[in-house]
Amino acid sequence: MPDLSNLSALLLRHLAPRGLTAIDETTSLVRSGLVDSFGILDLVQCLETEYRVRLQDRDVVPENFENLALIRRLLERAEPD
């Protein structure tokens, strides 16, 4: 299971240019507009590289990137790369 603090730090680094300065398990990423469809694709690449996993195409939907808790669950289901 990905460590929440490491995942949080990764997302903060990745999303800092978009104005995100703090994140917790329930911070809205998609609904708030911090992450759009292109941002999801960027996050997928970043997460796959950082955690050495392969996300399934069927899992790359906005609902799975809404917050840190959902992203962590997505990574738990991901296949090792």
Protein backbone atom coordinates (compact mmCIF):
# COMPACT_ATOMS: atom_id res chain seq x y z
CA MET A 1 0.00 0.00 0.00
CA PRO A 2 1.39 3.42 -0.93
CA ASP A 3 2.27 5.55 2.07
CA LEU A 4 -0.12 8.51 2.28
CA SER A 5 2.58 11.00 3.22
CA ASN A 6 4.75 9.99 0.26
CA LEU A 7 1.79 10.07 -2.10
CA SER A 8 0.76 13.45 -0.71
CA ALA A 9 4.28 14.85 -1.19
CA LEU A 10 4.40 13.52 -4.77
CA LEU A 11 1.07 15.11 -5.64
CA LEU A 12 2.05 18.40 -4.02
CA ARG A 13 5.23 18.55 -6.12
CA HIS A 14 3.30 17.61 -9.23
CA LEU A 15 0.38 20.00 -8.64
CA ALA A 16 2.23 22.96 -7.07
CA PRO A 17 2.25 24.89 -10.37
CA ARG A 18 -1.55 24.65 -10.33
CA GLY A 19 -1.73 26.36 -6.94
CA LEU A 20 -2.04 23.38 -4.61
CA THR A 21 -0.11 24.02 -1.40
CA ALA A 22 -1.65 21.47 0.98
CA ILE A 23 -3.38 18.14 0.52
CA ASP A 24 -5.06 15.59 2.74
CA GLU A 25 -6.99 12.42 2.07
CA THR A 26 -10.18 14.24 1.11
CA THR A 27 -8.85 17.27 -0.81
CA SER A 28 -10.89 17.54 -3.99
CA LEU A 29 -8.66 17.45 -7.06
CA VAL A 30 -11.04 16.98 -9.99
CA ARG A 31 -14.15 18.84 -8.79
CA SER A 32 -12.03 21.77 -7.65
CA GLY A 33 -10.47 22.04 -11.10
CA LEU A 34 -6.92 21.37 -9.89
CA VAL A 35 -6.83 18.28 -12.11
CA ASP A 36 -8.52 18.15 -15.52
CA SER A 37 -8.44 15.39 -18.15
CA PHE A 38 -4.93 16.34 -19.27
CA GLY A 39 -3.85 16.55 -15.64
CA ILE A 40 -5.12 13.02 -15.07
CA LEU A 41 -2.93 11.77 -17.91
CA ASP A 42 0.05 13.61 -16.39
CA LEU A 43 -0.71 12.07 -13.00
CA VAL A 44 -0.97 8.59 -14.51
CA GLN A 45 2.49 8.92 -16.01
CA CYS A 46 3.89 10.32 -12.77
CA LEU A 47 2.30 7.61 -10.60
CA GLU A 48 3.33 4.78 -12.91
CA THR A 49 6.91 6.00 -12.88
CA GLU A 50 7.12 6.69 -9.16
CA TYR A 51 5.41 3.49 -7.99
CA ARG A 52 6.55 1.24 -10.87
CA VAL A 53 3.04 0.10 -11.66
CA ARG A 54 0.82 -0.09 -14.71
CA LEU A 55 -2.65 1.42 -14.40
CA GLN A 56 -5.37 -0.21 -16.45
CA ASP A 57 -7.06 1.97 -19.06
CA ARG A 58 -10.45 1.21 -17.53
CA ASP A 59 -9.22 2.74 -14.24
CA VAL A 60 -8.08 6.03 -15.78
CA VAL A 61 -11.32 7.92 -15.12
CA PRO A 62 -11.87 11.17 -13.20
CA GLU A 63 -13.65 9.40 -10.35
CA ASN A 64 -10.45 7.54 -9.43
CA PHE A 65 -8.44 10.78 -9.20
CA GLU A 66 -10.86 12.85 -7.13
CA ASN A 67 -8.81 12.68 -3.94
CA LEU A 68 -5.77 11.14 -2.30
CA ALA A 69 -7.71 8.24 -0.78
CA LEU A 70 -9.09 7.21 -4.18
CA ILE A 71 -5.69 7.50 -5.83
CA ARG A 72 -4.20 5.30 -3.12
CA ARG A 73 -6.89 2.66 -3.74
CA LEU A 74 -6.17 2.86 -7.45
CA LEU A 75 -2.48 2.25 -6.82
CA GLU A 76 -3.29 -0.71 -4.57
CA ARG A 77 -5.11 -2.37 -7.50
CA ALA A 78 -2.43 -1.52 -10.06
CA GLU A 79 -0.28 -4.20 -11.65
CA PRO A 80 3.46 -4.15 -11.01
CA ASP A 81 5.38 -2.92 -14.03
